[in-house]
N, C-alpha and C. Protein backbone atom coordinates (compact mmCIF):
# COMPACT_ATOMS: atom_id res chain seq x y z
N MET A 1 0.81 -1.21 0.00
CA MET A 1 0.00 0.00 0.01
C MET A 1 0.85 1.28 0.00
N PHE A 2 1.93 1.28 0.80
CA PHE A 2 2.80 2.48 0.82
C PHE A 2 3.47 2.64 -0.54
N THR A 3 3.87 1.50 -1.15
CA THR A 3 4.53 1.59 -2.49
C THR A 3 3.53 2.15 -3.51
N GLU A 4 2.30 1.70 -3.43
CA GLU A 4 1.28 2.17 -4.38
C GLU A 4 1.05 3.67 -4.26
N ASP A 5 0.94 4.13 -3.02
CA ASP A 5 0.72 5.57 -2.78
C ASP A 5 1.93 6.39 -3.28
N ALA A 6 3.13 5.95 -2.93
CA ALA A 6 4.33 6.69 -3.37
C ALA A 6 4.47 6.66 -4.90
N ALA A 7 4.24 5.52 -5.49
CA ALA A 7 4.34 5.39 -6.94
C ALA A 7 3.38 6.36 -7.64
N SER A 8 2.18 6.42 -7.15
CA SER A 8 1.16 7.30 -7.69
C SER A 8 1.54 8.77 -7.49
N HIS A 9 1.97 9.09 -6.28
CA HIS A 9 2.29 10.48 -5.94
C HIS A 9 3.46 11.03 -6.78
N TYR A 10 4.49 10.21 -6.97
CA TYR A 10 5.70 10.68 -7.64
C TYR A 10 5.79 10.22 -9.10
N GLY A 11 4.87 9.41 -9.57
CA GLY A 11 4.92 8.96 -10.95
C GLY A 11 6.05 8.01 -11.22
N VAL A 12 6.33 7.15 -10.25
CA VAL A 12 7.42 6.14 -10.35
C VAL A 12 6.81 4.75 -10.42
N ASP A 13 7.43 3.90 -11.21
CA ASP A 13 7.00 2.51 -11.40
C ASP A 13 6.96 1.77 -10.04
N GLU A 14 5.79 1.32 -9.67
CA GLU A 14 5.65 0.62 -8.36
C GLU A 14 6.49 -0.64 -8.29
N LYS A 15 6.59 -1.35 -9.42
CA LYS A 15 7.42 -2.57 -9.39
C LYS A 15 8.89 -2.24 -9.13
N LEU A 16 9.35 -1.11 -9.62
CA LEU A 16 10.73 -0.69 -9.36
C LEU A 16 10.93 -0.44 -7.85
N ILE A 17 10.00 0.27 -7.26
CA ILE A 17 10.08 0.52 -5.82
C ILE A 17 10.14 -0.79 -5.05
N SER A 18 9.24 -1.71 -5.39
CA SER A 18 9.18 -3.00 -4.69
C SER A 18 10.46 -3.81 -4.91
N ALA A 19 11.03 -3.77 -6.12
CA ALA A 19 12.25 -4.49 -6.40
C ALA A 19 13.42 -3.93 -5.60
N ILE A 20 13.49 -2.61 -5.51
CA ILE A 20 14.58 -1.98 -4.72
C ILE A 20 14.42 -2.37 -3.24
N ILE A 21 13.22 -2.33 -2.72
CA ILE A 21 12.99 -2.74 -1.34
C ILE A 21 13.42 -4.19 -1.12
N SER A 22 13.05 -5.07 -2.04
CA SER A 22 13.40 -6.48 -1.92
C SER A 22 14.88 -6.67 -1.83
N VAL A 23 15.64 -5.97 -2.67
CA VAL A 23 17.10 -6.14 -2.70
C VAL A 23 17.75 -5.39 -1.51
N GLU A 24 17.30 -4.19 -1.27
CA GLU A 24 17.94 -3.36 -0.21
C GLU A 24 17.75 -3.89 1.20
N SER A 25 16.55 -4.34 1.51
CA SER A 25 16.25 -4.68 2.91
C SER A 25 15.51 -5.99 3.09
N GLY A 26 15.13 -6.65 1.99
CA GLY A 26 14.35 -7.87 2.12
C GLY A 26 13.01 -7.61 2.80
N GLY A 27 12.58 -6.35 2.81
CA GLY A 27 11.31 -6.02 3.45
C GLY A 27 11.38 -5.75 4.93
N ASN A 28 12.59 -5.69 5.49
CA ASN A 28 12.78 -5.45 6.92
C ASN A 28 12.98 -3.94 7.16
N PRO A 29 12.02 -3.25 7.77
CA PRO A 29 12.14 -1.81 7.96
C PRO A 29 13.16 -1.40 9.00
N GLY A 30 13.68 -2.33 9.78
CA GLY A 30 14.63 -2.01 10.82
C GLY A 30 16.09 -2.14 10.42
N VAL A 31 16.36 -2.51 9.18
CA VAL A 31 17.72 -2.75 8.73
C VAL A 31 18.50 -1.44 8.69
N VAL A 32 19.73 -1.48 9.22
CA VAL A 32 20.67 -0.38 9.12
C VAL A 32 21.98 -0.97 8.61
N SER A 33 22.51 -0.40 7.52
CA SER A 33 23.74 -0.91 6.94
C SER A 33 24.95 -0.39 7.66
N ARG A 34 26.12 -0.92 7.31
CA ARG A 34 27.40 -0.44 7.85
C ARG A 34 27.63 1.03 7.48
N SER A 35 27.09 1.42 6.30
CA SER A 35 27.28 2.80 5.86
C SER A 35 26.16 3.73 6.38
N ASN A 36 25.35 3.20 7.32
CA ASN A 36 24.26 3.93 7.95
C ASN A 36 23.10 4.25 7.03
N ALA A 37 22.84 3.39 6.05
CA ALA A 37 21.64 3.48 5.26
C ALA A 37 20.55 2.77 6.08
N VAL A 38 19.36 3.38 6.11
CA VAL A 38 18.30 2.96 7.04
C VAL A 38 17.02 2.56 6.33
N GLY A 39 16.40 1.48 6.82
CA GLY A 39 15.05 1.13 6.48
C GLY A 39 14.85 0.38 5.19
N LEU A 40 13.59 0.30 4.76
CA LEU A 40 13.21 -0.52 3.64
C LEU A 40 13.98 -0.22 2.39
N MET A 41 14.14 1.08 2.07
CA MET A 41 14.85 1.45 0.82
C MET A 41 16.28 1.86 1.06
N GLN A 42 16.77 1.58 2.31
CA GLN A 42 18.15 1.86 2.69
C GLN A 42 18.59 3.28 2.30
N ILE A 43 17.92 4.23 2.91
CA ILE A 43 18.17 5.65 2.66
C ILE A 43 19.30 6.16 3.56
N LYS A 44 20.27 6.83 2.98
CA LYS A 44 21.30 7.52 3.73
C LYS A 44 20.76 8.94 3.98
N ALA A 45 20.59 9.26 5.25
CA ALA A 45 20.01 10.58 5.59
C ALA A 45 20.85 11.72 5.03
N SER A 46 22.19 11.57 5.10
CA SER A 46 23.08 12.68 4.72
C SER A 46 23.22 12.88 3.21
N THR A 47 22.76 11.93 2.43
CA THR A 47 22.86 12.07 0.97
C THR A 47 21.48 12.12 0.34
N ALA A 48 20.89 10.96 0.09
CA ALA A 48 19.56 10.92 -0.55
C ALA A 48 18.53 11.65 0.30
N GLY A 49 18.56 11.43 1.62
CA GLY A 49 17.60 12.08 2.48
C GLY A 49 17.69 13.59 2.44
N ARG A 50 18.92 14.08 2.52
CA ARG A 50 19.15 15.52 2.46
C ARG A 50 18.71 16.11 1.11
N GLU A 51 18.99 15.37 0.03
CA GLU A 51 18.63 15.83 -1.33
C GLU A 51 17.11 15.93 -1.45
N VAL A 52 16.38 14.95 -0.94
CA VAL A 52 14.93 14.96 -0.98
C VAL A 52 14.40 16.15 -0.17
N TYR A 53 14.93 16.31 1.03
CA TYR A 53 14.51 17.46 1.85
C TYR A 53 14.75 18.78 1.12
N ARG A 54 15.92 18.92 0.54
CA ARG A 54 16.28 20.17 -0.18
C ARG A 54 15.29 20.42 -1.33
N THR A 55 15.01 19.39 -2.10
CA THR A 55 14.08 19.52 -3.24
C THR A 55 12.68 19.87 -2.78
N GLN A 56 12.31 19.39 -1.59
CA GLN A 56 10.99 19.68 -1.06
C GLN A 56 10.93 20.99 -0.27
N GLY A 57 12.04 21.74 -0.28
CA GLY A 57 12.09 23.02 0.41
C GLY A 57 12.23 22.92 1.91
N ARG A 58 12.70 21.78 2.39
CA ARG A 58 12.91 21.55 3.81
C ARG A 58 14.40 21.65 4.16
N ARG A 59 14.68 21.99 5.37
CA ARG A 59 16.08 22.07 5.83
C ARG A 59 16.51 20.76 6.49
N GLY A 60 17.80 20.52 6.50
CA GLY A 60 18.33 19.36 7.23
C GLY A 60 18.13 18.08 6.50
N GLN A 61 17.92 17.04 7.24
CA GLN A 61 17.82 15.69 6.71
C GLN A 61 16.87 14.88 7.62
N PRO A 62 16.35 13.76 7.07
CA PRO A 62 15.47 12.93 7.90
C PRO A 62 16.20 12.30 9.07
N SER A 63 15.47 12.10 10.15
CA SER A 63 16.04 11.41 11.31
C SER A 63 16.01 9.91 11.08
N ASN A 64 16.79 9.18 11.87
CA ASN A 64 16.75 7.72 11.79
C ASN A 64 15.36 7.18 12.09
N ALA A 65 14.67 7.81 13.06
CA ALA A 65 13.31 7.37 13.41
C ALA A 65 12.39 7.54 12.20
N GLU A 66 12.54 8.63 11.50
CA GLU A 66 11.71 8.85 10.29
C GLU A 66 12.03 7.82 9.24
N LEU A 67 13.31 7.50 9.09
CA LEU A 67 13.71 6.54 8.04
C LEU A 67 13.30 5.11 8.42
N ARG A 68 13.10 4.85 9.69
CA ARG A 68 12.62 3.49 10.10
C ARG A 68 11.12 3.33 9.91
N ASP A 69 10.40 4.43 9.72
CA ASP A 69 8.96 4.38 9.47
C ASP A 69 8.73 3.96 8.03
N PRO A 70 8.11 2.80 7.78
CA PRO A 70 7.96 2.30 6.42
C PRO A 70 7.37 3.30 5.44
N ALA A 71 6.28 3.97 5.83
CA ALA A 71 5.63 4.92 4.90
C ALA A 71 6.56 6.08 4.55
N LYS A 72 7.25 6.62 5.55
CA LYS A 72 8.15 7.75 5.32
C LYS A 72 9.36 7.33 4.52
N ASN A 73 9.90 6.14 4.84
CA ASN A 73 11.07 5.64 4.10
C ASN A 73 10.75 5.44 2.62
N ILE A 74 9.61 4.84 2.36
CA ILE A 74 9.22 4.60 0.95
C ILE A 74 8.95 5.93 0.27
N ASP A 75 8.35 6.87 0.96
CA ASP A 75 8.11 8.18 0.38
C ASP A 75 9.41 8.87 0.01
N ILE A 76 10.36 8.87 0.93
CA ILE A 76 11.67 9.51 0.68
C ILE A 76 12.41 8.80 -0.42
N GLY A 77 12.44 7.47 -0.37
CA GLY A 77 13.16 6.70 -1.41
C GLY A 77 12.56 6.90 -2.79
N THR A 78 11.23 6.95 -2.86
CA THR A 78 10.57 7.16 -4.14
C THR A 78 10.77 8.58 -4.63
N ALA A 79 10.74 9.56 -3.72
CA ALA A 79 11.03 10.95 -4.10
C ALA A 79 12.43 11.03 -4.67
N TYR A 80 13.39 10.28 -4.08
CA TYR A 80 14.75 10.33 -4.58
C TYR A 80 14.84 9.73 -5.99
N ILE A 81 14.11 8.65 -6.25
CA ILE A 81 14.06 8.09 -7.60
C ILE A 81 13.56 9.13 -8.57
N ARG A 82 12.48 9.83 -8.19
CA ARG A 82 11.93 10.89 -9.06
C ARG A 82 12.95 11.96 -9.31
N ILE A 83 13.71 12.38 -8.28
CA ILE A 83 14.74 13.40 -8.41
C ILE A 83 15.81 12.92 -9.42
N LEU A 84 16.26 11.70 -9.27
CA LEU A 84 17.26 11.16 -10.20
C LEU A 84 16.74 11.20 -11.64
N GLN A 85 15.51 10.76 -11.83
CA GLN A 85 14.94 10.70 -13.19
C GLN A 85 14.68 12.10 -13.78
N ASP A 86 14.37 13.07 -12.92
CA ASP A 86 14.08 14.43 -13.41
C ASP A 86 15.29 15.31 -13.54
N SER A 87 16.41 14.90 -12.96
CA SER A 87 17.59 15.76 -13.01
C SER A 87 18.72 15.09 -13.78
N ALA A 88 19.57 14.39 -13.09
CA ALA A 88 20.77 13.81 -13.73
C ALA A 88 20.45 12.87 -14.90
N LEU A 89 19.37 12.12 -14.80
CA LEU A 89 19.03 11.13 -15.83
C LEU A 89 18.02 11.66 -16.84
N SER A 90 17.63 12.91 -16.68
CA SER A 90 16.66 13.53 -17.58
C SER A 90 17.22 13.50 -19.00
N GLY A 91 16.37 13.14 -19.95
CA GLY A 91 16.80 13.08 -21.31
C GLY A 91 17.02 11.67 -21.83
N ILE A 92 17.12 10.67 -20.95
CA ILE A 92 17.23 9.30 -21.40
C ILE A 92 15.86 8.91 -21.93
N ARG A 93 15.83 8.54 -23.20
CA ARG A 93 14.55 8.35 -23.89
C ARG A 93 13.95 6.96 -23.72
N ASP A 94 14.74 5.94 -23.77
CA ASP A 94 14.19 4.58 -23.72
C ASP A 94 13.78 4.24 -22.28
N PRO A 95 12.53 3.82 -22.07
CA PRO A 95 12.06 3.54 -20.69
C PRO A 95 12.85 2.43 -19.98
N LEU A 96 13.26 1.41 -20.71
CA LEU A 96 14.01 0.32 -20.08
C LEU A 96 15.45 0.80 -19.73
N THR A 97 16.05 1.55 -20.62
CA THR A 97 17.37 2.12 -20.32
C THR A 97 17.28 3.04 -19.11
N LEU A 98 16.22 3.87 -19.05
CA LEU A 98 16.04 4.76 -17.92
C LEU A 98 15.88 3.96 -16.64
N ARG A 99 15.15 2.84 -16.67
CA ARG A 99 15.02 2.01 -15.48
C ARG A 99 16.41 1.48 -15.04
N TYR A 100 17.16 0.98 -15.99
CA TYR A 100 18.51 0.48 -15.66
C TYR A 100 19.36 1.60 -15.06
N ALA A 101 19.33 2.76 -15.69
CA ALA A 101 20.13 3.91 -15.21
C ALA A 101 19.68 4.33 -13.81
N THR A 102 18.40 4.29 -13.57
CA THR A 102 17.86 4.65 -12.27
C THR A 102 18.35 3.66 -11.20
N ILE A 103 18.30 2.40 -11.51
CA ILE A 103 18.76 1.38 -10.55
C ILE A 103 20.22 1.60 -10.18
N VAL A 104 21.07 1.77 -11.19
CA VAL A 104 22.50 1.96 -10.90
C VAL A 104 22.71 3.27 -10.13
N SER A 105 22.03 4.30 -10.54
CA SER A 105 22.20 5.59 -9.87
C SER A 105 21.67 5.61 -8.45
N TYR A 106 20.63 4.84 -8.18
CA TYR A 106 20.06 4.77 -6.84
C TYR A 106 21.12 4.29 -5.84
N ALA A 107 21.90 3.31 -6.23
CA ALA A 107 22.88 2.71 -5.32
C ALA A 107 24.23 3.36 -5.40
N ASN A 108 24.64 3.85 -6.56
CA ASN A 108 26.01 4.30 -6.74
C ASN A 108 26.14 5.76 -7.20
N GLY A 109 25.05 6.45 -7.33
CA GLY A 109 25.08 7.84 -7.76
C GLY A 109 25.04 7.99 -9.27
N ALA A 110 24.33 9.02 -9.71
CA ALA A 110 24.16 9.25 -11.15
C ALA A 110 25.49 9.74 -11.74
N GLY A 111 26.25 10.50 -10.97
CA GLY A 111 27.51 11.04 -11.50
C GLY A 111 28.49 9.95 -11.91
N ALA A 112 28.61 8.95 -11.09
CA ALA A 112 29.52 7.82 -11.35
C ALA A 112 29.08 7.11 -12.64
N LEU A 113 27.75 6.94 -12.81
CA LEU A 113 27.28 6.28 -14.01
C LEU A 113 27.56 7.13 -15.23
N LEU A 114 27.18 8.41 -15.19
CA LEU A 114 27.34 9.26 -16.36
C LEU A 114 28.79 9.40 -16.77
N ARG A 115 29.71 9.46 -15.78
CA ARG A 115 31.13 9.58 -16.08
C ARG A 115 31.71 8.34 -16.82
N THR A 116 31.00 7.22 -16.77
CA THR A 116 31.47 6.07 -17.58
C THR A 116 31.28 6.31 -19.06
N PHE A 117 30.48 7.35 -19.39
CA PHE A 117 30.27 7.71 -20.78
C PHE A 117 31.07 8.98 -21.13
N SER A 118 30.93 10.02 -20.31
CA SER A 118 31.61 11.30 -20.56
C SER A 118 31.50 12.16 -19.30
N ARG A 119 32.45 13.06 -19.15
CA ARG A 119 32.38 14.01 -18.02
C ARG A 119 31.34 15.07 -18.30
N ASP A 120 30.94 15.22 -19.55
CA ASP A 120 29.89 16.17 -19.95
C ASP A 120 28.53 15.46 -19.93
N ARG A 121 27.63 15.93 -19.08
CA ARG A 121 26.33 15.27 -18.88
C ARG A 121 25.55 15.13 -20.21
N ASP A 122 25.48 16.23 -20.97
CA ASP A 122 24.68 16.17 -22.22
C ASP A 122 25.26 15.13 -23.20
N ARG A 123 26.60 15.10 -23.27
CA ARG A 123 27.24 14.12 -24.14
C ARG A 123 26.96 12.67 -23.60
N ALA A 124 27.04 12.52 -22.32
CA ALA A 124 26.77 11.19 -21.72
C ALA A 124 25.35 10.73 -22.05
N ILE A 125 24.37 11.63 -21.92
CA ILE A 125 22.98 11.28 -22.23
C ILE A 125 22.85 10.94 -23.70
N ALA A 126 23.51 11.70 -24.59
CA ALA A 126 23.45 11.41 -26.01
C ALA A 126 24.03 10.02 -26.29
N MET A 127 25.13 9.70 -25.62
CA MET A 127 25.77 8.39 -25.84
C MET A 127 24.83 7.27 -25.34
N ILE A 128 24.18 7.48 -24.22
CA ILE A 128 23.22 6.51 -23.69
C ILE A 128 22.08 6.33 -24.66
N ASN A 129 21.57 7.43 -25.22
CA ASN A 129 20.43 7.35 -26.14
C ASN A 129 20.80 6.68 -27.46
N ALA A 130 22.08 6.59 -27.76
CA ALA A 130 22.52 5.91 -28.97
C ALA A 130 22.60 4.39 -28.78
N MET A 131 22.42 3.93 -27.55
CA MET A 131 22.52 2.52 -27.22
C MET A 131 21.16 1.85 -27.08
N SER A 132 21.10 0.56 -27.30
CA SER A 132 19.92 -0.20 -26.96
C SER A 132 19.96 -0.44 -25.43
N PRO A 133 18.86 -0.85 -24.83
CA PRO A 133 18.89 -1.18 -23.41
C PRO A 133 19.90 -2.30 -23.11
N ASP A 134 20.00 -3.28 -24.00
CA ASP A 134 20.96 -4.39 -23.76
C ASP A 134 22.38 -3.86 -23.82
N GLU A 135 22.68 -2.96 -24.76
CA GLU A 135 24.03 -2.38 -24.83
C GLU A 135 24.36 -1.57 -23.59
N PHE A 136 23.36 -0.82 -23.08
CA PHE A 136 23.54 -0.04 -21.86
C PHE A 136 23.82 -0.97 -20.69
N TYR A 137 23.06 -2.02 -20.55
CA TYR A 137 23.21 -2.99 -19.48
C TYR A 137 24.65 -3.56 -19.54
N GLN A 138 25.10 -3.95 -20.71
CA GLN A 138 26.46 -4.48 -20.86
C GLN A 138 27.53 -3.43 -20.54
N HIS A 139 27.27 -2.21 -20.92
CA HIS A 139 28.22 -1.12 -20.59
C HIS A 139 28.40 -1.03 -19.09
N VAL A 140 27.32 -1.07 -18.33
CA VAL A 140 27.40 -1.03 -16.87
C VAL A 140 28.17 -2.21 -16.36
N GLN A 141 27.88 -3.40 -16.92
CA GLN A 141 28.58 -4.60 -16.48
C GLN A 141 30.09 -4.50 -16.68
N ASN A 142 30.50 -3.84 -17.78
CA ASN A 142 31.93 -3.81 -18.16
C ASN A 142 32.67 -2.56 -17.75
N LYS A 143 31.98 -1.44 -17.55
CA LYS A 143 32.66 -0.16 -17.40
C LYS A 143 32.44 0.58 -16.07
N HIS A 144 31.44 0.17 -15.31
CA HIS A 144 31.20 0.92 -14.07
C HIS A 144 32.33 0.69 -13.09
N PRO A 145 32.86 1.77 -12.47
CA PRO A 145 33.99 1.62 -11.57
C PRO A 145 33.67 0.92 -10.24
N ALA A 146 32.42 0.98 -9.82
CA ALA A 146 32.03 0.34 -8.56
C ALA A 146 31.69 -1.14 -8.82
N ALA A 147 32.42 -2.01 -8.18
CA ALA A 147 32.22 -3.44 -8.43
C ALA A 147 30.78 -3.90 -8.10
N GLN A 148 30.16 -3.23 -7.12
CA GLN A 148 28.81 -3.64 -6.75
C GLN A 148 27.75 -3.18 -7.75
N ALA A 149 28.04 -2.21 -8.59
CA ALA A 149 27.03 -1.66 -9.52
C ALA A 149 26.46 -2.73 -10.46
N PRO A 150 27.30 -3.51 -11.15
CA PRO A 150 26.72 -4.53 -12.02
C PRO A 150 25.92 -5.57 -11.27
N ARG A 151 26.37 -5.97 -10.09
CA ARG A 151 25.63 -6.93 -9.28
C ARG A 151 24.27 -6.36 -8.83
N TYR A 152 24.30 -5.11 -8.42
CA TYR A 152 23.08 -4.46 -7.95
C TYR A 152 22.07 -4.36 -9.10
N LEU A 153 22.54 -3.98 -10.28
CA LEU A 153 21.66 -3.89 -11.44
C LEU A 153 21.04 -5.25 -11.72
N TRP A 154 21.85 -6.28 -11.68
CA TRP A 154 21.34 -7.64 -11.93
C TRP A 154 20.32 -8.05 -10.90
N LYS A 155 20.65 -7.80 -9.60
CA LYS A 155 19.74 -8.20 -8.50
C LYS A 155 18.39 -7.49 -8.59
N VAL A 156 18.42 -6.19 -8.79
CA VAL A 156 17.13 -5.43 -8.84
C VAL A 156 16.36 -5.79 -10.11
N THR A 157 17.06 -5.95 -11.22
CA THR A 157 16.37 -6.35 -12.45
C THR A 157 15.73 -7.73 -12.30
N THR A 158 16.43 -8.65 -11.66
CA THR A 158 15.90 -9.98 -11.42
C THR A 158 14.69 -9.92 -10.49
N ALA A 159 14.78 -9.13 -9.44
CA ALA A 159 13.64 -8.95 -8.52
C ALA A 159 12.45 -8.34 -9.26
N TYR A 160 12.73 -7.37 -10.09
CA TYR A 160 11.67 -6.67 -10.84
C TYR A 160 10.89 -7.65 -11.70
N ARG A 161 11.61 -8.56 -12.34
CA ARG A 161 10.96 -9.54 -13.22
C ARG A 161 10.09 -10.52 -12.48
N THR A 162 10.38 -10.72 -11.19
CA THR A 162 9.59 -11.71 -10.41
C THR A 162 8.38 -11.09 -9.73
N ILE A 163 8.26 -9.79 -9.79
CA ILE A 163 7.15 -9.10 -9.12
C ILE A 163 5.91 -9.09 -10.04
């Protein structure tokens, strides 16, 4: 129900939200990672949380108590997905490629992904748009500097297909 509300509110694919939750926390709202990512969508208050607050015109960042609340965690995580898609990933035309780019960016940052194409954002987006979704997926597998990025893309994509 929280995923449905957030998906509707932010215009984000509900299956994507559910797949990220499945991989990030296995559905356990009390999970806290070694890097202090909290809750169902494993939100880092100081990065994604702060960015969502800033975009919403709020100061500071969410508290750990807020991030442990399933409804608030899903709302913040989904808002962050929307921010990624509307800012750094804006201009990616193919919906499947955009989903793949969103997944990688959610875990490892959009900047790291775009820099595997070019330091210039517009050029990176143009290069992405010249690829098929399969070519983009392979590019991430072969070129992303973070070893966990290809695994994360595979895990979330696999979870997405089973939902």
